[in-house]
N, C-alpha and C. Protein backbone atom coordinates (compact mmCIF):
# COMPACT_ATOMS: atom_id res chain seq x y z
N MET A 1 -1.81 21.06 -21.86
CA MET A 1 -2.93 21.16 -20.94
C MET A 1 -4.01 20.13 -21.29
N LYS A 2 -4.27 19.99 -22.60
CA LYS A 2 -5.30 19.05 -23.04
C LYS A 2 -4.94 17.62 -22.64
N LYS A 3 -3.64 17.27 -22.77
CA LYS A 3 -3.20 15.92 -22.43
C LYS A 3 -3.40 15.66 -20.94
N TYR A 4 -3.16 16.69 -20.10
CA TYR A 4 -3.35 16.52 -18.66
C TYR A 4 -4.82 16.36 -18.32
N LEU A 5 -5.70 17.07 -19.01
CA LEU A 5 -7.13 16.92 -18.79
C LEU A 5 -7.58 15.52 -19.16
N ILE A 6 -7.11 15.03 -20.29
CA ILE A 6 -7.44 13.68 -20.73
C ILE A 6 -6.92 12.66 -19.71
N THR A 7 -5.69 12.88 -19.23
CA THR A 7 -5.11 11.97 -18.24
C THR A 7 -5.96 11.95 -16.98
N THR A 8 -6.39 13.12 -16.52
CA THR A 8 -7.23 13.20 -15.33
C THR A 8 -8.53 12.44 -15.53
N LEU A 9 -9.15 12.58 -16.69
CA LEU A 9 -10.39 11.87 -16.98
C LEU A 9 -10.17 10.36 -16.98
N ILE A 10 -9.05 9.94 -17.52
CA ILE A 10 -8.75 8.51 -17.55
C ILE A 10 -8.50 7.99 -16.14
N ILE A 11 -7.82 8.77 -15.33
CA ILE A 11 -7.58 8.36 -13.95
C ILE A 11 -8.90 8.20 -13.22
N LEU A 12 -9.83 9.11 -13.45
CA LEU A 12 -11.15 8.99 -12.83
C LEU A 12 -11.85 7.71 -13.30
N THR A 13 -11.65 7.34 -14.54
CA THR A 13 -12.21 6.10 -15.07
C THR A 13 -11.62 4.90 -14.33
N ILE A 14 -10.31 4.96 -14.09
CA ILE A 14 -9.65 3.88 -13.37
C ILE A 14 -10.18 3.78 -11.95
N ILE A 15 -10.39 4.93 -11.32
CA ILE A 15 -10.95 4.92 -9.97
C ILE A 15 -12.33 4.26 -9.99
N ALA A 16 -13.11 4.58 -11.00
CA ALA A 16 -14.43 3.96 -11.13
C ALA A 16 -14.29 2.45 -11.26
N ALA A 17 -13.25 1.99 -11.95
CA ALA A 17 -13.03 0.55 -12.09
C ALA A 17 -12.80 -0.08 -10.72
N GLY A 18 -12.14 0.63 -9.85
CA GLY A 18 -11.93 0.13 -8.50
C GLY A 18 -13.22 0.06 -7.71
N ALA A 19 -14.24 0.78 -8.17
CA ALA A 19 -15.54 0.77 -7.49
C ALA A 19 -16.46 -0.29 -8.10
N ASN A 20 -15.85 -1.31 -8.71
CA ASN A 20 -16.57 -2.47 -9.25
C ASN A 20 -17.40 -2.17 -10.49
N LEU A 21 -16.96 -1.23 -11.30
CA LEU A 21 -17.60 -1.00 -12.59
C LEU A 21 -16.80 -1.73 -13.65
N THR A 22 -17.45 -2.20 -14.67
CA THR A 22 -16.78 -2.92 -15.74
C THR A 22 -16.62 -1.99 -16.93
N PHE A 23 -15.47 -2.08 -17.61
CA PHE A 23 -15.22 -1.25 -18.78
C PHE A 23 -15.96 -1.82 -19.99
N ALA A 24 -16.68 -0.97 -20.69
CA ALA A 24 -17.35 -1.38 -21.92
C ALA A 24 -16.31 -1.44 -23.02
N GLN A 25 -16.47 -2.35 -23.91
CA GLN A 25 -15.56 -2.44 -25.05
C GLN A 25 -16.07 -1.55 -26.17
N PRO A 26 -15.15 -0.91 -26.89
CA PRO A 26 -15.59 0.02 -27.94
C PRO A 26 -16.25 -0.70 -29.10
N GLY A 27 -17.27 -0.07 -29.64
CA GLY A 27 -17.91 -0.59 -30.84
C GLY A 27 -17.39 0.19 -32.03
N PRO A 28 -17.89 -0.06 -33.22
CA PRO A 28 -17.42 0.64 -34.40
C PRO A 28 -17.60 2.15 -34.23
N GLY A 29 -16.51 2.88 -34.48
CA GLY A 29 -16.56 4.34 -34.42
C GLY A 29 -16.46 4.91 -33.03
N MET A 30 -16.44 4.08 -31.99
CA MET A 30 -16.34 4.60 -30.63
C MET A 30 -14.87 4.84 -30.29
N MET A 31 -14.63 5.89 -29.53
CA MET A 31 -13.28 6.18 -29.05
C MET A 31 -13.34 6.25 -27.53
N GLY A 32 -12.26 5.95 -26.91
CA GLY A 32 -12.18 6.03 -25.47
C GLY A 32 -10.74 6.00 -25.05
N PRO A 33 -10.44 5.98 -23.76
CA PRO A 33 -9.06 6.01 -23.31
C PRO A 33 -8.26 4.81 -23.80
N TRP A 34 -8.92 3.71 -24.09
CA TRP A 34 -8.22 2.51 -24.57
C TRP A 34 -7.73 2.67 -26.01
N MET A 35 -8.14 3.75 -26.68
CA MET A 35 -7.74 3.96 -28.07
C MET A 35 -6.63 5.01 -28.19
N MET A 36 -6.15 5.54 -27.07
CA MET A 36 -5.15 6.59 -27.10
C MET A 36 -3.76 6.01 -27.18
N GLY A 37 -2.84 6.82 -27.65
CA GLY A 37 -1.45 6.42 -27.70
C GLY A 37 -1.20 5.54 -28.90
N PRO A 38 0.09 5.16 -29.09
CA PRO A 38 0.46 4.37 -30.26
C PRO A 38 -0.20 2.99 -30.29
N GLY A 39 -0.42 2.38 -29.14
CA GLY A 39 -1.03 1.05 -29.09
C GLY A 39 -2.37 1.12 -28.39
N MET A 40 -3.29 0.28 -28.82
CA MET A 40 -4.60 0.23 -28.17
C MET A 40 -4.47 -0.46 -26.82
N MET A 41 -5.27 -0.02 -25.87
CA MET A 41 -5.31 -0.73 -24.60
C MET A 41 -6.06 -2.03 -24.85
N GLU A 42 -5.57 -3.08 -24.24
CA GLU A 42 -6.06 -4.42 -24.51
C GLU A 42 -7.26 -4.80 -23.66
N SER A 43 -8.05 -5.71 -24.19
CA SER A 43 -9.10 -6.35 -23.40
C SER A 43 -8.69 -7.82 -23.26
N VAL A 44 -9.20 -8.45 -22.22
CA VAL A 44 -8.90 -9.86 -22.00
C VAL A 44 -10.20 -10.63 -21.79
N ASP A 45 -10.22 -11.86 -22.30
CA ASP A 45 -11.41 -12.70 -22.21
C ASP A 45 -11.17 -14.01 -21.47
N SER A 46 -9.94 -14.21 -20.98
CA SER A 46 -9.63 -15.43 -20.25
C SER A 46 -8.37 -15.21 -19.42
N GLU A 47 -8.14 -16.10 -18.50
CA GLU A 47 -6.91 -16.06 -17.71
C GLU A 47 -5.70 -16.21 -18.63
N TYR A 48 -5.77 -17.16 -19.55
CA TYR A 48 -4.67 -17.39 -20.49
C TYR A 48 -4.37 -16.12 -21.28
N GLU A 49 -5.39 -15.47 -21.79
CA GLU A 49 -5.21 -14.24 -22.56
C GLU A 49 -4.59 -13.14 -21.70
N PHE A 50 -5.00 -13.04 -20.45
CA PHE A 50 -4.41 -12.07 -19.53
C PHE A 50 -2.90 -12.31 -19.43
N LEU A 51 -2.50 -13.55 -19.25
CA LEU A 51 -1.08 -13.87 -19.10
C LEU A 51 -0.28 -13.58 -20.37
N ILE A 52 -0.80 -14.01 -21.52
CA ILE A 52 -0.01 -13.80 -22.75
C ILE A 52 0.03 -12.33 -23.18
N LYS A 53 -0.93 -11.54 -22.74
CA LYS A 53 -0.92 -10.11 -23.07
C LYS A 53 -0.13 -9.30 -22.04
N MET A 54 -0.17 -9.70 -20.79
CA MET A 54 0.52 -8.94 -19.75
C MET A 54 2.03 -9.12 -19.83
N ILE A 55 2.50 -10.27 -20.26
CA ILE A 55 3.95 -10.49 -20.33
C ILE A 55 4.62 -9.48 -21.27
N PRO A 56 4.22 -9.35 -22.54
CA PRO A 56 4.90 -8.36 -23.39
C PRO A 56 4.63 -6.91 -22.94
N HIS A 57 3.48 -6.70 -22.32
CA HIS A 57 3.17 -5.37 -21.78
C HIS A 57 4.23 -5.01 -20.72
N HIS A 58 4.50 -5.95 -19.83
CA HIS A 58 5.53 -5.75 -18.80
C HIS A 58 6.92 -5.66 -19.43
N GLU A 59 7.18 -6.47 -20.44
CA GLU A 59 8.50 -6.44 -21.09
C GLU A 59 8.79 -5.07 -21.68
N GLU A 60 7.78 -4.43 -22.26
CA GLU A 60 7.97 -3.09 -22.79
C GLU A 60 8.31 -2.12 -21.66
N ALA A 61 7.59 -2.21 -20.54
CA ALA A 61 7.86 -1.32 -19.40
C ALA A 61 9.28 -1.51 -18.88
N VAL A 62 9.73 -2.74 -18.78
CA VAL A 62 11.09 -3.03 -18.30
C VAL A 62 12.12 -2.45 -19.27
N ALA A 63 11.92 -2.64 -20.56
CA ALA A 63 12.88 -2.13 -21.55
C ALA A 63 12.96 -0.60 -21.48
N LYS A 64 11.82 0.06 -21.37
CA LYS A 64 11.82 1.53 -21.31
C LYS A 64 12.38 2.03 -19.98
N ALA A 65 12.13 1.30 -18.89
CA ALA A 65 12.68 1.68 -17.59
C ALA A 65 14.21 1.57 -17.59
N LYS A 66 14.75 0.61 -18.33
CA LYS A 66 16.21 0.49 -18.43
C LYS A 66 16.80 1.71 -19.14
N ILE A 67 16.12 2.20 -20.15
CA ILE A 67 16.57 3.41 -20.84
C ILE A 67 16.52 4.61 -19.88
N LEU A 68 15.43 4.70 -19.15
CA LEU A 68 15.28 5.79 -18.18
C LEU A 68 16.39 5.72 -17.13
N ARG A 69 16.62 4.55 -16.58
CA ARG A 69 17.63 4.38 -15.52
C ARG A 69 19.00 4.89 -15.97
N GLU A 70 19.32 4.65 -17.23
CA GLU A 70 20.65 5.03 -17.74
C GLU A 70 20.74 6.50 -18.17
N ASN A 71 19.61 7.17 -18.36
CA ASN A 71 19.64 8.50 -18.98
C ASN A 71 18.93 9.61 -18.22
N THR A 72 18.44 9.32 -17.02
CA THR A 72 17.79 10.36 -16.23
C THR A 72 18.82 11.06 -15.35
N ASN A 73 18.53 12.27 -14.94
CA ASN A 73 19.38 13.00 -14.01
C ASN A 73 18.78 13.02 -12.61
N ARG A 74 17.58 12.49 -12.47
CA ARG A 74 16.88 12.51 -11.17
C ARG A 74 17.04 11.17 -10.46
N ASP A 75 17.46 11.24 -9.20
CA ASP A 75 17.58 10.02 -8.40
C ASP A 75 16.22 9.35 -8.21
N ARG A 76 15.16 10.15 -8.03
CA ARG A 76 13.81 9.58 -7.84
C ARG A 76 13.38 8.79 -9.08
N MET A 77 13.69 9.30 -10.26
CA MET A 77 13.33 8.61 -11.50
C MET A 77 14.17 7.35 -11.66
N ARG A 78 15.45 7.42 -11.30
CA ARG A 78 16.32 6.24 -11.39
C ARG A 78 15.80 5.14 -10.44
N GLU A 79 15.40 5.53 -9.22
CA GLU A 79 14.85 4.57 -8.26
C GLU A 79 13.53 3.98 -8.77
N PHE A 80 12.71 4.82 -9.37
CA PHE A 80 11.44 4.35 -9.94
C PHE A 80 11.70 3.35 -11.06
N ALA A 81 12.67 3.66 -11.91
CA ALA A 81 13.03 2.75 -13.00
C ALA A 81 13.50 1.41 -12.43
N GLU A 82 14.34 1.46 -11.41
CA GLU A 82 14.83 0.22 -10.78
C GLU A 82 13.68 -0.60 -10.22
N ASP A 83 12.72 0.08 -9.61
CA ASP A 83 11.57 -0.61 -9.04
C ASP A 83 10.74 -1.30 -10.14
N ILE A 84 10.50 -0.58 -11.23
CA ILE A 84 9.76 -1.18 -12.36
C ILE A 84 10.49 -2.41 -12.88
N ILE A 85 11.80 -2.27 -13.07
CA ILE A 85 12.60 -3.38 -13.60
C ILE A 85 12.51 -4.59 -12.67
N GLU A 86 12.69 -4.37 -11.38
CA GLU A 86 12.69 -5.47 -10.42
C GLU A 86 11.32 -6.13 -10.30
N VAL A 87 10.29 -5.33 -10.05
CA VAL A 87 8.95 -5.87 -9.81
C VAL A 87 8.40 -6.55 -11.06
N GLN A 88 8.48 -5.86 -12.20
CA GLN A 88 7.85 -6.42 -13.39
C GLN A 88 8.65 -7.59 -13.97
N THR A 89 9.95 -7.63 -13.78
CA THR A 89 10.73 -8.80 -14.21
C THR A 89 10.29 -10.02 -13.39
N GLN A 90 10.10 -9.83 -12.09
CA GLN A 90 9.65 -10.92 -11.23
C GLN A 90 8.25 -11.37 -11.65
N GLU A 91 7.38 -10.42 -11.98
CA GLU A 91 6.02 -10.78 -12.41
C GLU A 91 6.04 -11.49 -13.76
N ILE A 92 6.92 -11.10 -14.66
CA ILE A 92 7.06 -11.79 -15.95
C ILE A 92 7.44 -13.25 -15.70
N GLU A 93 8.43 -13.46 -14.84
CA GLU A 93 8.87 -14.82 -14.53
C GLU A 93 7.74 -15.65 -13.92
N GLU A 94 6.97 -15.01 -13.06
CA GLU A 94 5.82 -15.68 -12.44
C GLU A 94 4.79 -16.07 -13.50
N MET A 95 4.47 -15.14 -14.40
CA MET A 95 3.47 -15.43 -15.44
C MET A 95 3.96 -16.50 -16.40
N GLU A 96 5.24 -16.48 -16.75
CA GLU A 96 5.80 -17.51 -17.62
C GLU A 96 5.71 -18.89 -16.95
N LYS A 97 5.93 -18.92 -15.65
CA LYS A 97 5.81 -20.17 -14.89
C LYS A 97 4.37 -20.68 -14.95
N TYR A 98 3.40 -19.77 -14.80
CA TYR A 98 2.00 -20.16 -14.86
C TYR A 98 1.64 -20.71 -16.24
N LEU A 99 2.11 -20.06 -17.27
CA LEU A 99 1.83 -20.54 -18.63
C LEU A 99 2.41 -21.93 -18.84
N ALA A 100 3.64 -22.14 -18.41
CA ALA A 100 4.29 -23.44 -18.58
C ALA A 100 3.58 -24.53 -17.77
N LYS A 101 3.09 -24.18 -16.60
CA LYS A 101 2.45 -25.15 -15.72
C LYS A 101 1.02 -25.48 -16.14
N TRP A 102 0.23 -24.47 -16.47
CA TRP A 102 -1.19 -24.66 -16.70
C TRP A 102 -1.61 -24.68 -18.17
N TYR A 103 -0.78 -24.12 -19.04
CA TYR A 103 -1.15 -24.03 -20.46
C TYR A 103 0.01 -24.47 -21.35
N PRO A 104 0.62 -25.62 -21.08
CA PRO A 104 1.83 -26.01 -21.82
C PRO A 104 1.61 -26.31 -23.30
N ASP A 105 0.41 -26.69 -23.67
CA ASP A 105 0.16 -27.09 -25.06
C ASP A 105 -0.44 -25.99 -25.92
N ARG A 106 -0.64 -24.83 -25.35
CA ARG A 106 -1.23 -23.73 -26.12
C ARG A 106 -0.16 -22.98 -26.89
N SER A 107 -0.46 -22.67 -28.14
CA SER A 107 0.47 -21.86 -28.92
C SER A 107 0.08 -20.39 -28.78
N ASN A 108 1.08 -19.55 -28.74
CA ASN A 108 0.85 -18.13 -28.53
C ASN A 108 1.19 -17.36 -29.79
N ASN A 109 0.18 -16.87 -30.49
CA ASN A 109 0.37 -16.08 -31.69
C ASN A 109 0.09 -14.59 -31.46
N TYR A 110 0.04 -14.20 -30.21
CA TYR A 110 -0.30 -12.82 -29.87
C TYR A 110 0.79 -11.85 -30.34
N GLN A 111 0.37 -10.78 -30.98
CA GLN A 111 1.28 -9.74 -31.46
C GLN A 111 1.05 -8.48 -30.64
N TYR A 112 2.00 -8.16 -29.77
CA TYR A 112 1.87 -6.99 -28.91
C TYR A 112 2.10 -5.72 -29.71
N GLU A 113 1.26 -4.73 -29.47
CA GLU A 113 1.38 -3.40 -30.10
C GLU A 113 1.98 -2.45 -29.06
N PRO A 114 3.22 -2.00 -29.26
CA PRO A 114 3.85 -1.12 -28.26
C PRO A 114 3.03 0.14 -27.99
N MET A 115 3.04 0.55 -26.74
CA MET A 115 2.29 1.72 -26.30
C MET A 115 3.18 2.93 -26.03
N MET A 116 4.47 2.70 -25.85
CA MET A 116 5.37 3.77 -25.44
C MET A 116 6.21 4.26 -26.62
N GLY A 117 6.67 5.49 -26.51
CA GLY A 117 7.41 6.12 -27.59
C GLY A 117 8.85 5.64 -27.72
N ASN A 118 9.53 6.17 -28.72
CA ASN A 118 10.94 5.91 -28.95
C ASN A 118 11.74 6.98 -28.21
N TYR A 119 12.59 6.57 -27.29
CA TYR A 119 13.34 7.53 -26.48
C TYR A 119 14.75 7.78 -27.00
N GLU A 120 15.01 7.37 -28.22
CA GLU A 120 16.33 7.57 -28.80
C GLU A 120 16.67 9.07 -28.80
N GLY A 121 17.83 9.38 -28.27
CA GLY A 121 18.29 10.77 -28.23
C GLY A 121 17.73 11.59 -27.08
N LEU A 122 16.86 11.02 -26.26
CA LEU A 122 16.30 11.75 -25.12
C LEU A 122 17.12 11.47 -23.86
N ALA A 123 17.24 12.49 -23.02
CA ALA A 123 17.92 12.34 -21.74
C ALA A 123 17.40 13.41 -20.80
N GLY A 124 17.73 13.26 -19.52
CA GLY A 124 17.39 14.28 -18.52
C GLY A 124 15.91 14.60 -18.47
N GLU A 125 15.62 15.90 -18.35
CA GLU A 125 14.23 16.39 -18.21
C GLU A 125 13.32 15.92 -19.35
N GLU A 126 13.83 15.97 -20.56
CA GLU A 126 13.03 15.60 -21.73
C GLU A 126 12.63 14.12 -21.66
N LEU A 127 13.56 13.28 -21.29
CA LEU A 127 13.27 11.85 -21.15
C LEU A 127 12.31 11.61 -19.99
N ASP A 128 12.56 12.25 -18.85
CA ASP A 128 11.70 12.07 -17.69
C ASP A 128 10.25 12.38 -18.04
N ARG A 129 10.04 13.49 -18.69
CA ARG A 129 8.68 13.90 -19.03
C ARG A 129 8.03 12.92 -20.00
N ALA A 130 8.75 12.54 -21.05
CA ALA A 130 8.20 11.59 -22.03
C ALA A 130 7.88 10.26 -21.36
N PHE A 131 8.79 9.80 -20.51
CA PHE A 131 8.58 8.52 -19.82
C PHE A 131 7.35 8.58 -18.93
N LEU A 132 7.23 9.64 -18.13
CA LEU A 132 6.08 9.76 -17.22
C LEU A 132 4.76 9.81 -18.00
N GLU A 133 4.72 10.60 -19.05
CA GLU A 133 3.49 10.70 -19.85
C GLU A 133 3.13 9.35 -20.46
N ASP A 134 4.13 8.67 -21.03
CA ASP A 134 3.88 7.36 -21.63
C ASP A 134 3.51 6.31 -20.59
N MET A 135 4.23 6.31 -19.46
CA MET A 135 4.03 5.26 -18.48
C MET A 135 2.68 5.39 -17.77
N ILE A 136 2.15 6.60 -17.67
CA ILE A 136 0.81 6.75 -17.09
C ILE A 136 -0.20 5.97 -17.95
N PHE A 137 -0.15 6.18 -19.26
CA PHE A 137 -1.07 5.46 -20.15
C PHE A 137 -0.77 3.97 -20.17
N HIS A 138 0.52 3.63 -20.13
CA HIS A 138 0.93 2.23 -20.12
C HIS A 138 0.39 1.52 -18.87
N HIS A 139 0.56 2.14 -17.72
CA HIS A 139 0.03 1.58 -16.48
C HIS A 139 -1.49 1.46 -16.54
N MET A 140 -2.15 2.42 -17.15
CA MET A 140 -3.61 2.35 -17.28
C MET A 140 -4.03 1.09 -18.03
N GLY A 141 -3.25 0.73 -19.03
CA GLY A 141 -3.54 -0.50 -19.76
C GLY A 141 -3.45 -1.72 -18.87
N ALA A 142 -2.42 -1.80 -18.03
CA ALA A 142 -2.27 -2.93 -17.12
C ALA A 142 -3.38 -2.94 -16.07
N VAL A 143 -3.72 -1.76 -15.57
CA VAL A 143 -4.81 -1.67 -14.58
C VAL A 143 -6.12 -2.16 -15.20
N MET A 144 -6.38 -1.73 -16.42
CA MET A 144 -7.63 -2.12 -17.08
C MET A 144 -7.69 -3.62 -17.36
N MET A 145 -6.59 -4.20 -17.85
CA MET A 145 -6.58 -5.65 -18.09
C MET A 145 -6.77 -6.41 -16.78
N SER A 146 -6.10 -5.96 -15.74
CA SER A 146 -6.22 -6.62 -14.44
C SER A 146 -7.64 -6.50 -13.90
N GLN A 147 -8.21 -5.33 -14.03
CA GLN A 147 -9.58 -5.12 -13.55
C GLN A 147 -10.58 -5.99 -14.33
N GLN A 148 -10.36 -6.14 -15.62
CA GLN A 148 -11.24 -7.00 -16.41
C GLN A 148 -11.17 -8.44 -15.91
N LEU A 149 -9.97 -8.94 -15.67
CA LEU A 149 -9.82 -10.31 -15.18
C LEU A 149 -10.57 -10.48 -13.86
N ILE A 150 -10.41 -9.50 -12.97
CA ILE A 150 -11.02 -9.58 -11.64
C ILE A 150 -12.54 -9.46 -11.72
N MET A 151 -13.02 -8.42 -12.38
CA MET A 151 -14.46 -8.14 -12.38
C MET A 151 -15.27 -9.16 -13.19
N ARG A 152 -14.65 -9.74 -14.18
CA ARG A 152 -15.36 -10.71 -15.01
C ARG A 152 -15.12 -12.14 -14.53
N ASN A 153 -14.43 -12.29 -13.39
CA ASN A 153 -14.15 -13.61 -12.82
C ASN A 153 -13.51 -14.55 -13.82
N LEU A 154 -12.51 -14.05 -14.53
CA LEU A 154 -11.84 -14.83 -15.57
C LEU A 154 -10.73 -15.72 -15.02
N ASP A 155 -10.32 -15.47 -13.79
CA ASP A 155 -9.23 -16.24 -13.22
C ASP A 155 -9.67 -17.69 -12.97
N GLU A 156 -8.78 -18.59 -13.32
CA GLU A 156 -9.00 -20.01 -13.06
C GLU A 156 -8.14 -20.49 -11.90
N HIS A 157 -7.16 -19.68 -11.53
CA HIS A 157 -6.24 -20.02 -10.46
C HIS A 157 -6.10 -18.82 -9.53
N ARG A 158 -6.14 -19.07 -8.25
CA ARG A 158 -6.06 -18.00 -7.25
C ARG A 158 -4.80 -17.15 -7.43
N GLU A 159 -3.70 -17.78 -7.84
CA GLU A 159 -2.44 -17.06 -8.01
C GLU A 159 -2.57 -15.95 -9.05
N VAL A 160 -3.31 -16.20 -10.12
CA VAL A 160 -3.48 -15.19 -11.17
C VAL A 160 -4.38 -14.07 -10.68
N TYR A 161 -5.42 -14.42 -9.95
CA TYR A 161 -6.26 -13.38 -9.35
C TYR A 161 -5.44 -12.46 -8.45
N LEU A 162 -4.61 -13.05 -7.58
CA LEU A 162 -3.79 -12.25 -6.66
C LEU A 162 -2.79 -11.40 -7.41
N LEU A 163 -2.21 -11.94 -8.48
CA LEU A 163 -1.28 -11.17 -9.30
C LEU A 163 -2.00 -9.99 -9.95
N ALA A 164 -3.15 -10.23 -10.53
CA ALA A 164 -3.92 -9.16 -11.18
C ALA A 164 -4.29 -8.08 -10.17
N ARG A 165 -4.70 -8.48 -8.99
CA ARG A 165 -5.05 -7.51 -7.96
C ARG A 165 -3.83 -6.67 -7.55
N SER A 166 -2.69 -7.32 -7.42
CA SER A 166 -1.46 -6.62 -7.07
C SER A 166 -1.05 -5.63 -8.17
N ILE A 167 -1.13 -6.06 -9.43
CA ILE A 167 -0.80 -5.17 -10.55
C ILE A 167 -1.76 -3.98 -10.56
N ARG A 168 -3.04 -4.26 -10.44
CA ARG A 168 -4.04 -3.19 -10.46
C ARG A 168 -3.77 -2.16 -9.37
N ASP A 169 -3.58 -2.63 -8.16
CA ASP A 169 -3.45 -1.72 -7.02
C ASP A 169 -2.13 -0.95 -7.05
N SER A 170 -1.04 -1.65 -7.30
CA SER A 170 0.27 -0.97 -7.28
C SER A 170 0.42 0.00 -8.44
N GLN A 171 -0.05 -0.38 -9.62
CA GLN A 171 0.11 0.51 -10.76
C GLN A 171 -0.86 1.69 -10.69
N ARG A 172 -2.00 1.50 -10.08
CA ARG A 172 -2.92 2.63 -9.89
C ARG A 172 -2.25 3.66 -8.96
N GLU A 173 -1.61 3.19 -7.89
CA GLU A 173 -0.88 4.09 -6.99
C GLU A 173 0.24 4.82 -7.74
N GLU A 174 0.94 4.10 -8.59
CA GLU A 174 2.04 4.70 -9.34
C GLU A 174 1.52 5.73 -10.34
N ILE A 175 0.34 5.53 -10.89
CA ILE A 175 -0.25 6.52 -11.79
C ILE A 175 -0.41 7.85 -11.07
N PHE A 176 -0.93 7.81 -9.86
CA PHE A 176 -1.11 9.04 -9.09
C PHE A 176 0.23 9.68 -8.74
N MET A 177 1.21 8.86 -8.41
CA MET A 177 2.55 9.36 -8.10
C MET A 177 3.15 10.05 -9.33
N MET A 178 3.06 9.39 -10.50
CA MET A 178 3.61 9.98 -11.72
C MET A 178 2.88 11.26 -12.10
N ARG A 179 1.59 11.28 -11.90
CA ARG A 179 0.79 12.48 -12.18
C ARG A 179 1.26 13.64 -11.30
N ASP A 180 1.51 13.35 -10.02
CA ASP A 180 2.03 14.37 -9.11
C ASP A 180 3.39 14.88 -9.57
N TRP A 181 4.26 13.97 -9.98
CA TRP A 181 5.58 14.38 -10.45
C TRP A 181 5.45 15.29 -11.68
N LEU A 182 4.60 14.91 -12.61
CA LEU A 182 4.40 15.78 -13.79
C LEU A 182 3.92 17.17 -13.38
N ASN A 183 2.97 17.21 -12.48
CA ASN A 183 2.43 18.50 -12.04
C ASN A 183 3.47 19.32 -11.29
N ASN A 184 4.30 18.68 -10.49
CA ASN A 184 5.29 19.41 -9.70
C ASN A 184 6.54 19.80 -10.50
N TRP A 185 6.91 19.02 -11.47
CA TRP A 185 8.15 19.27 -12.20
C TRP A 185 7.98 20.04 -13.49
N TYR A 186 6.78 20.02 -14.09
CA TYR A 186 6.64 20.64 -15.41
C TYR A 186 5.51 21.65 -15.43
């Protein structure tokens, strides 16, 4: 119950982000939704940083969606996994193209901190629930990074702005969908 309350509060925070509010960054000793889960939610300070952080973020989602696709018993979850794999793989390719085109001489030393759990040995209902709970927080991270790029006018290229807007909007919708599934199924 506590996790669902926290999730609801975070979703309200995301809605506020859509109303043109900017997320404050935590100071020493501060906790917030960006500090939950195994990995911290990321902040971005440039278009380049958005791209190098979003790629591994998407790669984790694709890897976990492949596990879900192979081990769920629900057709809706299998279709959702397929959608994540297809959309985010295409977005990864797009972001890699942007990096190669606009930032070819930059070295990338970014170390991604995974946000999602280990699904080894999970299947069916147990996997579905773990995936939905993890992916809600994971999507929140992508929504927050995208919102930061947009609200802070960090984009240097219209294509990155449009990508960030698409990620923000589509993943925010998916958060509500996943929340509904959790409420209806568990």
